[in-house]
C-alpha atoms as a PDB file:
ATOM      1  CA  MET A   1     -65.148 -63.278 -37.258  1.00  0.00           C
ATOM      2  CA  ASP A   2     -64.294 -61.145 -40.295  1.00  0.00           C
ATOM      3  CA  THR A   3     -66.998 -58.668 -39.286  1.00  0.00           C
ATOM      4  CA  VAL A   4     -65.511 -58.355 -35.794  1.00  0.00           C
ATOM      5  CA  LEU A   5     -62.008 -57.781 -37.152  1.00  0.00           C
ATOM      6  CA  ALA A   6     -63.273 -55.157 -39.555  1.00  0.00           C
ATOM      7  CA  ALA A   7     -65.057 -53.371 -36.691  1.00  0.00           C
ATOM      8  CA  VAL A   8     -61.870 -53.451 -34.595  1.00  0.00           C
ATOM      9  CA  ALA A   9     -59.898 -51.948 -37.464  1.00  0.00           C
ATOM     10  CA  VAL A  10     -62.400 -49.102 -37.868  1.00  0.00           C
ATOM     11  CA  SER A  11     -62.392 -48.426 -34.107  1.00  0.00           C
ATOM     12  CA  ILE A  12     -58.599 -48.253 -33.954  1.00  0.00           C
ATOM     13  CA  GLY A  13     -58.632 -45.922 -36.922  1.00  0.00           C
ATOM     14  CA  ARG A  14     -61.047 -43.569 -35.129  1.00  0.00           C
ATOM     15  CA  VAL A  15     -58.824 -43.562 -32.034  1.00  0.00           C
ATOM     16  CA  ASN A  16     -55.792 -42.800 -34.153  1.00  0.00           C
ATOM     17  CA  LYS A  17     -57.602 -39.918 -35.894  1.00  0.00           C
ATOM     18  CA  TRP A  18     -58.632 -38.447 -32.544  1.00  0.00           C
ATOM     19  CA  VAL A  19     -55.076 -38.744 -31.183  1.00  0.00           C
ATOM     20  CA  THR A  20     -53.696 -36.985 -34.247  1.00  0.00           C
ATOM     21  CA  ASN A  21     -56.316 -34.226 -34.377  1.00  0.00           C
ATOM     22  CA  THR A  22     -56.004 -33.341 -30.695  1.00  0.00           C
ATOM     23  CA  GLY A  23     -52.241 -32.945 -30.964  1.00  0.00           C
ATOM     24  CA  ILE A  24     -51.438 -35.316 -28.107  1.00  0.00           C
ATOM     25  CA  GLN A  25     -49.908 -38.023 -30.236  1.00  0.00           C
ATOM     26  CA  LYS A  26     -46.436 -37.287 -28.942  1.00  0.00           C
ATOM     27  CA  HIS A  27     -47.653 -37.931 -25.387  1.00  0.00           C
ATOM     28  CA  VAL A  28     -49.104 -41.338 -26.159  1.00  0.00           C
ATOM     29  CA  PHE A  29     -46.159 -42.866 -27.965  1.00  0.00           C
ATOM     30  CA  PRO A  30     -46.817 -46.466 -26.809  1.00  0.00           C
ATOM     31  CA  LEU A  31     -50.446 -46.310 -27.982  1.00  0.00           C
ATOM     32  CA  SER A  32     -49.671 -44.802 -31.364  1.00  0.00           C
ATOM     33  CA  GLN A  33     -46.871 -47.278 -32.019  1.00  0.00           C
ATOM     34  CA  SER A  34     -49.006 -50.218 -30.880  1.00  0.00           C
ATOM     35  CA  ILE A  35     -51.712 -49.118 -33.302  1.00  0.00           C
ATOM     36  CA  ALA A  36     -49.154 -48.811 -36.093  1.00  0.00           C
ATOM     37  CA  THR A  37     -47.936 -52.344 -35.444  1.00  0.00           C
ATOM     38  CA  ALA A  38     -51.442 -53.729 -35.106  1.00  0.00           C
ATOM     39  CA  ASP A  39     -52.216 -52.422 -38.576  1.00  0.00           C
ATOM     40  CA  ARG A  40     -49.928 -55.141 -39.907  1.00  0.00           C
ATOM     41  CA  ALA A  41     -51.528 -57.927 -37.915  1.00  0.00           C
ATOM     42  CA  LEU A  42     -55.128 -57.324 -38.958  1.00  0.00           C
ATOM     43  CA  PRO A  43     -56.357 -58.387 -42.386  1.00  0.00           C
ATOM     44  CA  TYR A  44     -58.018 -54.963 -42.767  1.00  0.00           C
ATOM     45  CA  PRO A  45     -56.279 -51.585 -43.152  1.00  0.00           C
ATOM     46  CA  ILE A  46     -56.912 -49.102 -40.375  1.00  0.00           C
ATOM     47  CA  PRO A  47     -58.603 -45.969 -41.800  1.00  0.00           C
ATOM     48  CA  GLY A  48     -56.423 -42.883 -41.771  1.00  0.00           C
ATOM     49  CA  LEU A  49     -53.370 -44.636 -40.355  1.00  0.00           C
ATOM     50  CA  ALA A  50     -50.012 -44.526 -42.091  1.00  0.00           C
ATOM     51  CA  CYS A  51     -47.278 -46.656 -40.586  1.00  0.00           C
ATOM     52  CA  PRO A  52     -44.774 -44.231 -39.026  1.00  0.00           C
ATOM     53  CA  GLU A  53     -41.184 -45.024 -39.952  1.00  0.00           C
ATOM     54  CA  PRO A  54     -40.087 -45.789 -36.381  1.00  0.00           C
ATOM     55  CA  ALA A  55     -42.632 -48.605 -36.153  1.00  0.00           C
ATOM     56  CA  ARG A  56     -40.607 -50.575 -38.678  1.00  0.00           C
ATOM     57  CA  HIS A  57     -37.941 -51.084 -36.028  1.00  0.00           C
ATOM     58  CA  LEU A  58     -39.949 -51.742 -32.843  1.00  0.00           C
ATOM     59  CA  ARG A  59     -40.377 -55.101 -31.195  1.00  0.00           C
ATOM     60  CA  PRO A  60     -43.772 -56.063 -32.571  1.00  0.00           C
ATOM     61  CA  PHE A  61     -46.887 -56.738 -30.541  1.00  0.00           C
ATOM     62  CA  PHE A  62     -48.400 -59.068 -33.132  1.00  0.00           C
ATOM     63  CA  ASN A  63     -47.443 -61.278 -36.022  1.00  0.00           C
ATOM     64  CA  VAL A  64     -45.937 -58.572 -38.195  1.00  0.00           C
ATOM     65  CA  THR A  65     -45.326 -58.238 -41.892  1.00  0.00           C
ATOM     66  CA  CYS A  66     -44.889 -54.692 -43.238  1.00  0.00           C
ATOM     67  CA  ASN A  67     -44.786 -54.481 -47.007  1.00  0.00           C
ATOM     68  CA  GLY A  68     -44.209 -51.621 -49.360  1.00  0.00           C
ATOM     69  CA  ASP A  69     -42.201 -51.258 -52.552  1.00  0.00           C
ATOM     70  CA  GLY A  70     -40.774 -54.722 -52.082  1.00  0.00           C
ATOM     71  CA  GLU A  71     -39.525 -53.982 -48.581  1.00  0.00           C
ATOM     72  CA  GLY A  72     -40.952 -54.239 -45.109  1.00  0.00           C
ATOM     73  CA  CYS A  73     -40.357 -55.143 -41.501  1.00  0.00           C
ATOM     74  CA  VAL A  74     -40.913 -58.775 -40.675  1.00  0.00           C
ATOM     75  CA  ASN A  75     -41.529 -60.701 -37.482  1.00  0.00           C
ATOM     76  CA  SER A  76     -42.880 -64.220 -37.743  1.00  0.00           C
ATOM     77  CA  ASN A  77     -43.388 -64.819 -34.029  1.00  0.00           C
ATOM     78  CA  GLY A  78     -46.695 -64.065 -32.356  1.00  0.00           C
ATOM     79  CA  VAL A  79     -45.213 -63.467 -28.885  1.00  0.00           C
ATOM     80  CA  ARG A  80     -44.107 -59.961 -28.043  1.00  0.00           C
ATOM     81  CA  GLY A  81     -40.335 -59.581 -27.983  1.00  0.00           C
ATOM     82  CA  THR A  82     -39.559 -63.317 -28.317  1.00  0.00           C
ATOM     83  CA  VAL A  83     -36.767 -64.412 -30.647  1.00  0.00           C
ATOM     84  CA  GLN A  84     -35.867 -68.087 -31.099  1.00  0.00           C
ATOM     85  CA  ILE A  85     -32.510 -69.421 -32.294  1.00  0.00           C
ATOM     86  CA  ILE A  86     -33.009 -72.961 -33.565  1.00  0.00           C
ATOM     87  CA  PRO A  87     -29.929 -75.112 -34.250  1.00  0.00           C
ATOM     88  CA  VAL A  88     -30.176 -77.625 -37.075  1.00  0.00           C
ATOM     89  CA  PRO A  89     -28.202 -80.746 -36.096  1.00  0.00           C
ATOM     90  CA  SER A  90     -27.616 -83.969 -38.029  1.00  0.00           C
ATOM     91  CA  LEU A  91     -26.337 -82.254 -41.159  1.00  0.00           C
ATOM     92  CA  PRO A  92     -23.686 -84.100 -43.195  1.00  0.00           C
ATOM     93  CA  LEU A  93     -20.072 -83.112 -43.697  1.00  0.00           C
ATOM     94  CA  PHE A  94     -20.506 -81.152 -46.905  1.00  0.00           C
ATOM     95  CA  LYS A  95     -18.415 -81.779 -49.999  1.00  0.00           C
ATOM     96  CA  PRO A  96     -18.023 -79.934 -53.310  1.00  0.00           C
ATOM     97  CA  GLY A  97     -21.281 -79.910 -55.269  1.00  0.00           C
ATOM     98  CA  ASP A  98     -23.507 -81.037 -52.385  1.00  0.00           C
ATOM     99  CA  ASP A  99     -27.076 -79.712 -52.204  1.00  0.00           C
ATOM    100  CA  ILE A 100     -27.358 -77.738 -48.952  1.00  0.00           C
ATOM    101  CA  ALA A 101     -31.076 -77.070 -49.423  1.00  0.00           C
ATOM    102  CA  ALA A 102     -31.871 -80.779 -49.825  1.00  0.00           C
ATOM    103  CA  ALA A 103     -29.741 -81.744 -46.818  1.00  0.00           C
ATOM    104  CA  LEU A 104     -31.385 -79.033 -44.733  1.00  0.00           C
ATOM    105  CA  GLU A 105     -34.877 -80.140 -45.727  1.00  0.00           C
ATOM    106  CA  ALA A 106     -34.092 -83.719 -44.692  1.00  0.00           C
ATOM    107  CA  ALA A 107     -32.619 -82.584 -41.366  1.00  0.00           C
ATOM    108  CA  LEU A 108     -35.657 -80.438 -40.576  1.00  0.00           C
ATOM    109  CA  GLN A 109     -38.042 -83.281 -41.436  1.00  0.00           C
ATOM    110  CA  ARG A 110     -36.237 -85.530 -38.959  1.00  0.00           C
ATOM    111  CA  GLN A 111     -36.975 -82.943 -36.265  1.00  0.00           C
ATOM    112  CA  ASN A 112     -40.540 -82.203 -37.365  1.00  0.00           C
ATOM    113  CA  LEU A 113     -39.505 -78.638 -38.179  1.00  0.00           C
ATOM    114  CA  THR A 114     -40.061 -76.393 -41.169  1.00  0.00           C
ATOM    115  CA  PHE A 115     -39.504 -72.802 -42.183  1.00  0.00           C
ATOM    116  CA  GLU A 116     -42.012 -70.098 -41.324  1.00  0.00           C
ATOM    117  CA  ALA A 117     -42.433 -66.824 -43.194  1.00  0.00           C
ATOM    118  CA  GLY A 118     -39.909 -64.280 -41.975  1.00  0.00           C
ATOM    119  CA  ASP A 119     -37.381 -66.801 -40.661  1.00  0.00           C
ATOM    120  CA  VAL A 120     -33.696 -66.027 -41.090  1.00  0.00           C
ATOM    121  CA  LEU A 121     -31.325 -68.854 -41.958  1.00  0.00           C
ATOM    122  CA  VAL A 122     -27.731 -68.299 -40.848  1.00  0.00           C
ATOM    123  CA  ALA A 123     -25.185 -70.611 -42.458  1.00  0.00           C
ATOM    124  CA  ALA A 124     -21.538 -70.871 -41.473  1.00  0.00           C
ATOM    125  CA  GLN A 125     -19.246 -69.737 -44.256  1.00  0.00           C
ATOM    126  CA  LYS A 126     -17.329 -73.000 -44.191  1.00  0.00           C
ATOM    127  CA  ILE A 127     -20.157 -75.151 -45.550  1.00  0.00           C
ATOM    128  CA  ILE A 128     -20.758 -72.688 -48.378  1.00  0.00           C
ATOM    129  CA  SER A 129     -17.051 -72.641 -49.232  1.00  0.00           C
ATOM    130  CA  LYS A 130     -16.839 -76.441 -49.122  1.00  0.00           C
ATOM    131  CA  VAL A 131     -19.816 -76.888 -51.440  1.00  0.00           C
ATOM    132  CA  GLU A 132     -18.368 -74.267 -53.800  1.00  0.00           C
ATOM    133  CA  ASP A 133     -15.013 -76.094 -53.819  1.00  0.00           C
ATOM    134  CA  ARG A 134     -12.980 -73.303 -52.228  1.00  0.00           C
ATOM    135  CA  ALA A 135     -10.620 -75.694 -50.402  1.00  0.00           C
ATOM    136  CA  ILE A 136      -6.964 -75.349 -51.432  1.00  0.00           C
ATOM    137  CA  ARG A 137      -4.171 -77.815 -50.685  1.00  0.00           C
ATOM    138  CA  LEU A 138      -1.127 -75.783 -49.662  1.00  0.00           C
ATOM    139  CA  SER A 139       1.285 -78.135 -51.433  1.00  0.00           C
ATOM    140  CA  ASN A 140      -0.320 -77.160 -54.758  1.00  0.00           C
ATOM    141  CA  VAL A 141       0.200 -73.396 -54.357  1.00  0.00           C
ATOM    142  CA  ALA A 142       2.818 -71.646 -56.503  1.00  0.00           C
ATOM    143  CA  ILE A 143       4.661 -69.198 -54.264  1.00  0.00           C
ATOM    144  CA  SER A 144       5.702 -65.706 -55.367  1.00  0.00           C
ATOM    145  CA  ALA A 145       8.640 -63.658 -54.117  1.00  0.00           C
ATOM    146  CA  ALA A 146       6.234 -61.284 -52.341  1.00  0.00           C
ATOM    147  CA  ALA A 147       4.655 -64.220 -50.510  1.00  0.00           C
ATOM    148  CA  ARG A 148       8.051 -65.501 -49.373  1.00  0.00           C
ATOM    149  CA  GLN A 149       8.893 -62.076 -48.019  1.00  0.00           C
ATOM    150  CA  LEU A 150       5.559 -61.856 -46.158  1.00  0.00           C
ATOM    151  CA  ALA A 151       5.999 -65.371 -44.779  1.00  0.00           C
ATOM    152  CA  GLU A 152       9.467 -64.576 -43.474  1.00  0.00           C
ATOM    153  CA  ALA A 153       8.227 -61.427 -41.706  1.00  0.00           C
ATOM    154  CA  THR A 154       5.227 -63.140 -40.117  1.00  0.00           C
ATOM    155  CA  HIS A 155       6.459 -66.720 -39.573  1.00  0.00           C
ATOM    156  CA  LYS A 156       3.598 -67.971 -41.730  1.00  0.00           C
ATOM    157  CA  SER A 157       3.701 -70.741 -44.291  1.00  0.00           C
ATOM    158  CA  PRO A 158       4.831 -69.318 -47.659  1.00  0.00           C
ATOM    159  CA  ALA A 159       1.926 -71.085 -49.386  1.00  0.00           C
ATOM    160  CA  LEU A 160      -0.555 -69.583 -46.915  1.00  0.00           C
ATOM    161  CA  ALA A 161       1.029 -66.163 -47.365  1.00  0.00           C
ATOM    162  CA  GLU A 162       0.556 -66.528 -51.121  1.00  0.00           C
ATOM    163  CA  LEU A 163      -3.136 -67.295 -50.740  1.00  0.00           C
ATOM    164  CA  ILE A 164      -3.555 -64.385 -48.347  1.00  0.00           C
ATOM    165  CA  LEU A 165      -2.060 -62.030 -50.928  1.00  0.00           C
ATOM    166  CA  ARG A 166      -4.292 -63.407 -53.673  1.00  0.00           C
ATOM    167  CA  GLU A 167      -7.408 -62.926 -51.538  1.00  0.00           C
ATOM    168  CA  SER A 168      -6.551 -59.395 -50.405  1.00  0.00           C
ATOM    169  CA  GLN A 169      -6.787 -55.869 -51.719  1.00  0.00           C
ATOM    170  CA  THR A 170      -3.975 -54.850 -49.382  1.00  0.00           C
ATOM    171  CA  VAL A 171      -2.032 -56.034 -46.369  1.00  0.00           C
ATOM    172  CA  MET A 172      -2.837 -53.567 -43.590  1.00  0.00           C
ATOM    173  CA  ARG A 173      -0.808 -54.728 -40.573  1.00  0.00           C
ATOM    174  CA  THR A 174       1.621 -57.546 -39.812  1.00  0.00           C
ATOM    175  CA  LYS A 175       3.580 -58.929 -36.904  1.00  0.00           C
ATOM    176  CA  PRO A 176       4.863 -62.428 -36.132  1.00  0.00           C
ATOM    177  CA  ASN A 177       1.981 -64.908 -36.526  1.00  0.00           C
ATOM    178  CA  LEU A 178      -0.494 -62.214 -37.552  1.00  0.00           C
ATOM    179  CA  ILE A 179      -1.531 -60.737 -40.912  1.00  0.00           C
ATOM    180  CA  ILE A 180      -4.421 -58.264 -41.107  1.00  0.00           C
ATOM    181  CA  THR A 181      -5.699 -57.564 -44.613  1.00  0.00           C
ATOM    182  CA  ARG A 182      -8.447 -55.827 -46.458  1.00  0.00           C
ATOM    183  CA  HIS A 183     -10.091 -58.753 -48.218  1.00  0.00           C
ATOM    184  CA  ARG A 184     -10.804 -58.514 -51.933  1.00  0.00           C
ATOM    185  CA  LEU A 185     -14.502 -58.060 -50.964  1.00  0.00           C
ATOM    186  CA  GLY A 186     -13.673 -55.143 -48.669  1.00  0.00           C
ATOM    187  CA  HIS A 187     -13.851 -56.794 -45.243  1.00  0.00           C
ATOM    188  CA  VAL A 188     -10.962 -56.360 -42.810  1.00  0.00           C
ATOM    189  CA  ALA A 189      -9.928 -59.763 -41.488  1.00  0.00           C
ATOM    190  CA  ALA A 190      -7.004 -61.783 -40.230  1.00  0.00           C
ATOM    191  CA  ASN A 191      -5.413 -63.945 -42.931  1.00  0.00           C
ATOM    192  CA  ALA A 192      -7.952 -62.677 -45.498  1.00  0.00           C
ATOM    193  CA  GLY A 193     -10.534 -64.940 -43.879  1.00  0.00           C
ATOM    194  CA  ILE A 194      -8.566 -68.080 -44.781  1.00  0.00           C
ATOM    195  CA  ASP A 195      -8.928 -70.839 -42.198  1.00  0.00           C
ATOM    196  CA  ALA A 196      -7.911 -74.450 -41.664  1.00  0.00           C
ATOM    197  CA  SER A 197     -10.239 -75.369 -38.783  1.00  0.00           C
ATOM    198  CA  ASN A 198     -12.912 -77.977 -39.513  1.00  0.00           C
ATOM    199  CA  VAL A 199     -11.293 -78.695 -42.884  1.00  0.00           C
ATOM    200  CA  GLU A 200     -10.377 -82.303 -43.672  1.00  0.00           C
ATOM    201  CA  ALA A 201      -6.655 -82.652 -44.344  1.00  0.00           C
ATOM    202  CA  SER A 202      -6.155 -86.342 -45.186  1.00  0.00           C
ATOM    203  CA  ASN A 203      -4.113 -85.518 -48.299  1.00  0.00           C
ATOM    204  CA  GLY A 204      -1.972 -82.729 -46.889  1.00  0.00           C
ATOM    205  CA  GLU A 205      -2.680 -79.453 -45.150  1.00  0.00           C
ATOM    206  CA  THR A 206      -5.735 -77.818 -46.681  1.00  0.00           C
ATOM    207  CA  VAL A 207      -7.240 -74.385 -46.061  1.00  0.00           C
ATOM    208  CA  LEU A 208     -10.587 -72.894 -46.955  1.00  0.00           C
ATOM    209  CA  LEU A 209     -11.138 -69.590 -48.752  1.00  0.00           C
ATOM    210  CA  TRP A 210     -14.298 -67.502 -48.575  1.00  0.00           C
ATOM    211  CA  PRO A 211     -16.882 -67.958 -51.344  1.00  0.00           C
ATOM    212  CA  LEU A 212     -16.153 -65.936 -54.452  1.00  0.00           C
ATOM    213  CA  ASP A 213     -19.353 -63.908 -53.942  1.00  0.00           C
ATOM    214  CA  PRO A 214     -21.046 -64.552 -50.567  1.00  0.00           C
ATOM    215  CA  ASP A 215     -24.046 -62.355 -51.426  1.00  0.00           C
ATOM    216  CA  ALA A 216     -24.679 -64.400 -54.571  1.00  0.00           C
ATOM    217  CA  SER A 217     -24.248 -67.613 -52.557  1.00  0.00           C
ATOM    218  CA  ALA A 218     -26.815 -66.389 -50.011  1.00  0.00           C
ATOM    219  CA  ALA A 219     -29.244 -65.414 -52.789  1.00  0.00           C
ATOM    220  CA  ALA A 220     -28.931 -68.799 -54.496  1.00  0.00           C
ATOM    221  CA  LEU A 221     -29.513 -70.714 -51.252  1.00  0.00           C
ATOM    222  CA  ARG A 222     -32.469 -68.489 -50.380  1.00  0.00           C
ATOM    223  CA  SER A 223     -34.057 -69.117 -53.780  1.00  0.00           C
ATOM    224  CA  GLN A 224     -33.663 -72.891 -53.407  1.00  0.00           C
ATOM    225  CA  LEU A 225     -35.121 -72.915 -49.892  1.00  0.00           C
ATOM    226  CA  GLU A 226     -38.072 -70.686 -50.767  1.00  0.00           C
ATOM    227  CA  ALA A 227     -38.891 -72.993 -53.684  1.00  0.00           C
ATOM    228  CA  ARG A 228     -38.820 -76.027 -51.388  1.00  0.00           C
ATOM    229  CA  PHE A 229     -40.704 -74.570 -48.430  1.00  0.00           C
ATOM    230  CA  GLY A 230     -43.017 -72.052 -50.103  1.00  0.00           C
ATOM    231  CA  VAL A 231     -42.358 -69.152 -47.697  1.00  0.00           C
ATOM    232  CA  GLN A 232     -40.284 -65.982 -47.835  1.00  0.00           C
ATOM    233  CA  ILE A 233     -37.138 -66.067 -45.714  1.00  0.00           C
ATOM    234  CA  ALA A 234     -33.787 -64.306 -45.486  1.00  0.00           C
ATOM    235  CA  VAL A 235     -30.348 -65.930 -45.614  1.00  0.00           C
ATOM    236  CA  ILE A 236     -27.096 -64.814 -43.993  1.00  0.00           C
ATOM    237  CA  ILE A 237     -23.655 -66.329 -44.483  1.00  0.00           C
ATOM    238  CA  SER A 238     -21.536 -65.765 -41.388  1.00  0.00           C
ATOM    239  CA  ASP A 239     -17.947 -66.100 -40.285  1.00  0.00           C
ATOM    240  CA  SER A 240     -16.200 -65.390 -37.000  1.00  0.00           C
ATOM    241  CA  LEU A 241     -14.246 -62.141 -37.264  1.00  0.00           C
ATOM    242  CA  GLY A 242     -12.260 -60.079 -34.796  1.00  0.00           C
ATOM    243  CA  ARG A 243     -13.174 -56.486 -33.983  1.00  0.00           C
ATOM    244  CA  ALA A 244     -10.930 -53.447 -33.781  1.00  0.00           C
ATOM    245  CA  TRP A 245      -9.898 -52.629 -30.191  1.00  0.00           C
ATOM    246  CA  ARG A 246     -11.693 -55.711 -28.782  1.00  0.00           C
ATOM    247  CA  MET A 247     -10.479 -59.183 -27.861  1.00  0.00           C
ATOM    248  CA  GLY A 248     -12.204 -62.252 -29.261  1.00  0.00           C
ATOM    249  CA  THR A 249     -14.275 -62.988 -32.326  1.00  0.00           C
ATOM    250  CA  THR A 250     -17.989 -62.812 -32.975  1.00  0.00           C
ATOM    251  CA  GLY A 251     -20.294 -64.032 -35.712  1.00  0.00           C
ATOM    252  CA  THR A 252     -20.324 -61.517 -38.567  1.00  0.00           C
ATOM    253  CA  ALA A 253     -22.323 -61.456 -41.789  1.00  0.00           C
ATOM    254  CA  ILE A 254     -20.185 -61.734 -44.923  1.00  0.00           C
ATOM    255  CA  GLY A 255     -23.119 -62.388 -47.266  1.00  0.00           C
ATOM    256  CA  ALA A 256     -26.854 -61.741 -47.125  1.00  0.00           C
ATOM    257  CA  ALA A 257     -30.018 -62.021 -49.195  1.00  0.00           C
ATOM    258  CA  GLY A 258     -33.609 -61.043 -48.489  1.00  0.00           C
ATOM    259  CA  LEU A 259     -32.967 -58.406 -45.846  1.00  0.00           C
ATOM    260  CA  ALA A 260     -31.417 -54.973 -45.513  1.00  0.00           C
ATOM    261  CA  PRO A 261     -28.151 -55.509 -43.600  1.00  0.00           C
ATOM    262  CA  LEU A 262     -28.387 -52.016 -42.106  1.00  0.00           C
ATOM    263  CA  ILE A 263     -31.339 -50.271 -40.487  1.00  0.00           C
ATOM    264  CA  ASP A 264     -31.034 -46.497 -40.776  1.00  0.00           C
ATOM    265  CA  ARG A 265     -32.647 -44.862 -37.748  1.00  0.00           C
ATOM    266  CA  ARG A 266     -31.294 -41.383 -38.351  1.00  0.00           C
ATOM    267  CA  GLY A 267     -34.035 -38.800 -38.096  1.00  0.00           C
ATOM    268  CA  GLU A 268     -36.059 -40.754 -35.553  1.00  0.00           C
ATOM    269  CA  LYS A 269     -36.685 -39.473 -32.035  1.00  0.00           C
ATOM    270  CA  ASP A 270     -35.329 -41.027 -28.860  1.00  0.00           C
ATOM    271  CA  LEU A 271     -37.320 -41.315 -25.610  1.00  0.00           C
ATOM    272  CA  PHE A 272     -36.651 -37.665 -24.812  1.00  0.00           C
ATOM    273  CA  GLY A 273     -37.426 -36.241 -28.229  1.00  0.00           C
ATOM    274  CA  ARG A 274     -33.837 -35.877 -29.433  1.00  0.00           C
ATOM    275  CA  THR A 275     -33.306 -36.596 -33.129  1.00  0.00           C
ATOM    276  CA  LEU A 276     -30.995 -39.516 -33.809  1.00  0.00           C
ATOM    277  CA  GLN A 277     -28.051 -38.284 -35.889  1.00  0.00           C
ATOM    278  CA  ALA A 278     -25.830 -41.286 -36.531  1.00  0.00           C
ATOM    279  CA  THR A 279     -27.652 -44.487 -35.587  1.00  0.00           C
ATOM    280  CA  LEU A 280     -27.206 -47.238 -38.166  1.00  0.00           C
ATOM    281  CA  VAL A 281     -28.109 -50.670 -36.802  1.00  0.00           C
ATOM    282  CA  ALA A 282     -26.052 -53.551 -38.231  1.00  0.00           C
ATOM    283  CA  ARG A 283     -28.987 -55.963 -38.223  1.00  0.00           C
ATOM    284  CA  ALA A 284     -27.338 -58.677 -40.356  1.00  0.00           C
ATOM    285  CA  ASP A 285     -24.318 -58.733 -38.044  1.00  0.00           C
ATOM    286  CA  GLU A 286     -26.588 -58.867 -34.986  1.00  0.00           C
ATOM    287  CA  LEU A 287     -28.371 -61.896 -36.416  1.00  0.00           C
ATOM    288  CA  ALA A 288     -25.085 -63.586 -37.348  1.00  0.00           C
ATOM    289  CA  ALA A 289     -23.762 -63.045 -33.823  1.00  0.00           C
ATOM    290  CA  ALA A 290     -26.967 -64.425 -32.305  1.00  0.00           C
ATOM    291  CA  ALA A 291     -26.772 -67.555 -34.452  1.00  0.00           C
ATOM    292  CA  SER A 292     -23.161 -68.154 -33.415  1.00  0.00           C
ATOM    293  CA  LEU A 293     -24.443 -68.947 -29.915  1.00  0.00           C
ATOM    294  CA  VAL A 294     -25.638 -72.306 -31.251  1.00  0.00           C
ATOM    295  CA  ILE A 295     -23.449 -72.761 -34.333  1.00  0.00           C
ATOM    296  CA  GLY A 296     -20.246 -72.772 -32.283  1.00  0.00           C
ATOM    297  CA  GLU A 297     -16.574 -72.636 -33.266  1.00  0.00           C
ATOM    298  CA  ALA A 298     -15.102 -76.092 -32.743  1.00  0.00           C
ATOM    299  CA  ALA A 299     -16.668 -79.582 -32.849  1.00  0.00           C
ATOM    300  CA  GLU A 300     -20.336 -78.654 -32.445  1.00  0.00           C
ATOM    301  CA  ALA A 301     -21.129 -79.908 -35.973  1.00  0.00           C
ATOM    302  CA  THR A 302     -24.002 -77.426 -36.244  1.00  0.00           C
ATOM    303  CA  PRO A 303     -23.241 -75.134 -39.200  1.00  0.00           C
ATOM    304  CA  ILE A 304     -26.791 -73.815 -39.648  1.00  0.00           C
ATOM    305  CA  ALA A 305     -29.257 -72.074 -37.366  1.00  0.00           C
ATOM    306  CA  ILE A 306     -32.712 -70.635 -37.965  1.00  0.00           C
ATOM    307  CA  ILE A 307     -33.687 -67.401 -36.235  1.00  0.00           C
ATOM    308  CA  ARG A 308     -37.411 -66.970 -35.712  1.00  0.00           C
ATOM    309  CA  GLY A 309     -39.138 -63.834 -34.468  1.00  0.00           C
ATOM    310  CA  ALA A 310     -36.435 -61.294 -35.353  1.00  0.00           C
ATOM    311  CA  THR A 311     -37.499 -57.989 -36.846  1.00  0.00           C
ATOM    312  CA  TYR A 312     -35.737 -56.834 -40.001  1.00  0.00           C
ATOM    313  CA  ILE A 313     -36.401 -54.882 -43.175  1.00  0.00           C
ATOM    314  CA  ARG A 314     -37.034 -57.081 -46.182  1.00  0.00           C
ATOM    315  CA  SER A 315     -34.970 -56.080 -49.195  1.00  0.00           C
ATOM    316  CA  GLU A 316     -34.297 -57.658 -52.561  1.00  0.00           C
ATOM    317  CA  ALA A 317     -31.597 -55.213 -53.592  1.00  0.00           C
ATOM    318  CA  GLU A 318     -29.041 -54.893 -50.806  1.00  0.00           C
ATOM    319  CA  GLY A 319     -26.087 -57.132 -50.032  1.00  0.00           C
ATOM    320  CA  ILE A 320     -23.584 -57.081 -47.216  1.00  0.00           C
ATOM    321  CA  THR A 321     -21.422 -54.527 -49.062  1.00  0.00           C
ATOM    322  CA  ALA A 322     -23.722 -51.861 -47.623  1.00  0.00           C
ATOM    323  CA  THR A 323     -22.156 -52.479 -44.207  1.00  0.00           C
ATOM    324  CA  LEU A 324     -18.589 -51.721 -45.319  1.00  0.00           C
ATOM    325  CA  ARG A 325     -17.350 -48.291 -44.277  1.00  0.00           C
ATOM    326  CA  PRO A 326     -16.136 -46.298 -47.289  1.00  0.00           C
ATOM    327  CA  LEU A 327     -12.354 -45.921 -47.395  1.00  0.00           C
ATOM    328  CA  ALA A 328     -12.761 -42.138 -47.400  1.00  0.00           C
ATOM    329  CA  GLU A 329     -14.234 -42.444 -43.878  1.00  0.00           C
ATOM    330  CA  ASP A 330     -11.439 -44.689 -42.564  1.00  0.00           C
ATOM    331  CA  LEU A 331      -9.645 -42.709 -39.855  1.00  0.00           C
ATOM    332  CA  PHE A 332      -7.124 -45.403 -38.884  1.00  0.00           C
ATOM    333  CA  THR A 333      -5.346 -46.565 -42.035  1.00  0.00           C
END
């Protein structure tokens, strides 16, 4: 079998060399890109073939893992273009100090599931915040004069207004029952991301703040899961955020580890040979939104989903901050 695979690799390499030398490569785009992707599926390198940059972003034809300088495009599914979103039910109601990785392992064992290389785990922000003890009882909050003024203008609880101010760089817009802020981490969100839904309130009204450092939380959870399951994965922490000029919320990444949150496609060619000038794909946000289809917003009790078969660029260095538009480019505030 190894001999056959080696022969196939050599043959593909010869075809690629002929395509390149004859100058018709641009006319056989599907073939050249299929060859580039196949190079990652075979255990042998294809002679003379360098993976073109665009191939990192195509739907793969094979089980794909592109590596180089610690980064690469990953797809763990062997079926062309297929992406699975797997909900993980039967998880407990998490409390401060709980071990998410251990609970997840037990839940997966009950379903005869495990992680595969290249999977992406998407975890709802609330379970991370609960485990990190970011729940605050409003009756315990000391209220400042600025918070009282904000509460009066917006009809919000003074204690909630105080927490919003503490969690924000700046208050951007207000009206009755609405406060839009730039969160201390740079995200623009209503109420600085503070939420009371799915938070137990047996001892008085309690709200939940975002993790102190969602990227660090994602990295820690990823490390624990990779140690338990023995495969490389990526982890995203998501929350439901509104979007400028659009109604409704969608799953959005607020923390990430193991993948580049943005895919820069500038400089690539479109179907008609035009050079892409401004295309940055928010891959982490796309994955967070996809996972929200099964995580839900109310009483679904499914705070974690596993995405299998998605293509992304592996990265050890980038966090979700890379997705935040620099203030110098903000045309609206």
